Amino acid sequence: METRKYYINQDDLGQALREVIERYVAGNISNKEIEKLIYEIVDLNSEKFFVGEKTIAVRVERKLGKKRLSIIKKILEKRDK
């Protein structure tokens, strides 16, 4: 399943990231694939994903929920190392 890479607003972005995480949890995509997708989506939509330098937008956080957000944070922290 192809995932769009560009989003108009934070709600659409949050929903797309939520769906990617759900596919990962269901075992439909691998670790490498989820990392690649998260990096691409976040990089291409950084102005919607981040508020300031490294703070994730509240609307995106709410759309994701705590567990999905923690997965995304771990993936992004891995890249920053």
C-alpha atoms as a PDB file:
ATOM      1  CA  MET A   1       0.000   0.000   0.000  1.00  0.00           C
ATOM      2  CA  GLU A   2       1.425   3.338  -1.061  1.00  0.00           C
ATOM      3  CA  THR A   3       1.433   6.123   1.525  1.00  0.00           C
ATOM      4  CA  ARG A   4       1.113   9.760   0.515  1.00  0.00           C
ATOM      5  CA  LYS A   5       4.073  11.891   1.489  1.00  0.00           C
ATOM      6  CA  TYR A   6       2.650  15.447   1.548  1.00  0.00           C
ATOM      7  CA  TYR A   7      -0.192  16.638   3.779  1.00  0.00           C
ATOM      8  CA  ILE A   8      -2.251  19.825   3.889  1.00  0.00           C
ATOM      9  CA  ASN A   9      -2.751  20.113   7.638  1.00  0.00           C
ATOM     10  CA  GLN A  10      -1.718  18.635  10.976  1.00  0.00           C
ATOM     11  CA  ASP A  11      -4.849  16.503  11.290  1.00  0.00           C
ATOM     12  CA  ASP A  12      -4.207  14.734   7.973  1.00  0.00           C
ATOM     13  CA  LEU A  13      -0.541  14.313   8.875  1.00  0.00           C
ATOM     14  CA  GLY A  14      -1.388  12.843  12.275  1.00  0.00           C
ATOM     15  CA  GLN A  15      -3.921  10.454  10.747  1.00  0.00           C
ATOM     16  CA  ALA A  16      -1.417   9.273   8.141  1.00  0.00           C
ATOM     17  CA  LEU A  17       1.256   8.636  10.781  1.00  0.00           C
ATOM     18  CA  ARG A  18      -1.330   6.827  12.886  1.00  0.00           C
ATOM     19  CA  GLU A  19      -2.144   4.525   9.957  1.00  0.00           C
ATOM     20  CA  VAL A  20       1.550   3.816   9.323  1.00  0.00           C
ATOM     21  CA  ILE A  21       2.042   2.840  12.969  1.00  0.00           C
ATOM     22  CA  GLU A  22      -1.072   0.645  12.880  1.00  0.00           C
ATOM     23  CA  ARG A  23       0.261  -1.193   9.817  1.00  0.00           C
ATOM     24  CA  TYR A  24       3.556  -1.732  11.648  1.00  0.00           C
ATOM     25  CA  VAL A  25       1.860  -3.030  14.796  1.00  0.00           C
ATOM     26  CA  ALA A  26      -0.249  -5.392  12.680  1.00  0.00           C
ATOM     27  CA  GLY A  27       2.963  -6.788  11.194  1.00  0.00           C
ATOM     28  CA  ASN A  28       2.302  -5.547   7.656  1.00  0.00           C
ATOM     29  CA  ILE A  29       5.524  -3.524   7.371  1.00  0.00           C
ATOM     30  CA  SER A  30       9.061  -4.164   8.610  1.00  0.00           C
ATOM     31  CA  ASN A  31      11.257  -2.120  10.946  1.00  0.00           C
ATOM     32  CA  LYS A  32      13.234  -0.713   8.022  1.00  0.00           C
ATOM     33  CA  GLU A  33      10.089   0.225   6.132  1.00  0.00           C
ATOM     34  CA  ILE A  34       8.501   2.044   9.065  1.00  0.00           C
ATOM     35  CA  GLU A  35      11.709   3.955   9.750  1.00  0.00           C
ATOM     36  CA  LYS A  36      11.952   5.006   6.108  1.00  0.00           C
ATOM     37  CA  LEU A  37       8.289   6.063   5.977  1.00  0.00           C
ATOM     38  CA  ILE A  38       8.442   8.023   9.241  1.00  0.00           C
ATOM     39  CA  TYR A  39      11.649   9.812   8.208  1.00  0.00           C
ATOM     40  CA  GLU A  40      10.222  10.729   4.792  1.00  0.00           C
ATOM     41  CA  ILE A  41       6.844  11.905   6.057  1.00  0.00           C
ATOM     42  CA  VAL A  42       8.304  13.923   8.939  1.00  0.00           C
ATOM     43  CA  ASP A  43      11.045  15.481   6.795  1.00  0.00           C
ATOM     44  CA  LEU A  44       8.661  16.465   3.997  1.00  0.00           C
ATOM     45  CA  ASN A  45       6.096  17.881   6.440  1.00  0.00           C
ATOM     46  CA  SER A  46       8.381  19.217   9.164  1.00  0.00           C
ATOM     47  CA  GLU A  47       6.626  22.607   9.260  1.00  0.00           C
ATOM     48  CA  LYS A  48       3.405  20.816  10.267  1.00  0.00           C
ATOM     49  CA  PHE A  49       4.948  18.120  12.450  1.00  0.00           C
ATOM     50  CA  PHE A  50       7.199  20.342  14.574  1.00  0.00           C
ATOM     51  CA  VAL A  51       6.471  23.554  16.435  1.00  0.00           C
ATOM     52  CA  GLY A  52       9.792  25.239  16.989  1.00  0.00           C
ATOM     53  CA  GLU A  53      12.970  23.199  16.714  1.00  0.00           C
ATOM     54  CA  LYS A  54      12.102  19.735  18.098  1.00  0.00           C
ATOM     55  CA  THR A  55       8.667  20.051  19.744  1.00  0.00           C
ATOM     56  CA  ILE A  56       5.965  17.932  18.128  1.00  0.00           C
ATOM     57  CA  ALA A  57       2.742  19.821  17.379  1.00  0.00           C
ATOM     58  CA  VAL A  58      -0.028  19.223  19.920  1.00  0.00           C
ATOM     59  CA  ARG A  59      -2.617  18.399  17.233  1.00  0.00           C
ATOM     60  CA  VAL A  60      -0.363  15.695  15.822  1.00  0.00           C
ATOM     61  CA  GLU A  61       0.313  14.323  19.323  1.00  0.00           C
ATOM     62  CA  ARG A  62      -3.403  14.121  20.084  1.00  0.00           C
ATOM     63  CA  LYS A  63      -4.141  12.389  16.792  1.00  0.00           C
ATOM     64  CA  LEU A  64      -1.454   9.768  17.475  1.00  0.00           C
ATOM     65  CA  GLY A  65      -2.031   8.989  21.128  1.00  0.00           C
ATOM     66  CA  LYS A  66       0.642   8.077  23.680  1.00  0.00           C
ATOM     67  CA  LYS A  67       1.678   4.631  22.434  1.00  0.00           C
ATOM     68  CA  ARG A  68       1.984   5.570  18.755  1.00  0.00           C
ATOM     69  CA  LEU A  69       3.731   8.803  19.656  1.00  0.00           C
ATOM     70  CA  SER A  70       6.306   6.908  21.720  1.00  0.00           C
ATOM     71  CA  ILE A  71       7.085   4.679  18.718  1.00  0.00           C
ATOM     72  CA  ILE A  72       7.606   7.713  16.476  1.00  0.00           C
ATOM     73  CA  LYS A  73       9.783   9.427  19.089  1.00  0.00           C
ATOM     74  CA  LYS A  74      11.981   6.315  19.381  1.00  0.00           C
ATOM     75  CA  ILE A  75      12.398   6.160  15.613  1.00  0.00           C
ATOM     76  CA  LEU A  76      13.316   9.858  15.405  1.00  0.00           C
ATOM     77  CA  GLU A  77      15.715   9.589  18.372  1.00  0.00           C
ATOM     78  CA  LYS A  78      17.464   6.679  16.657  1.00  0.00           C
ATOM     79  CA  ARG A  79      18.099   8.859  13.615  1.00  0.00           C
ATOM     80  CA  ASP A  80      19.407  11.776  15.712  1.00  0.00           C
ATOM     81  CA  LYS A  81      22.114   9.618  17.321  1.00  0.00           C
END
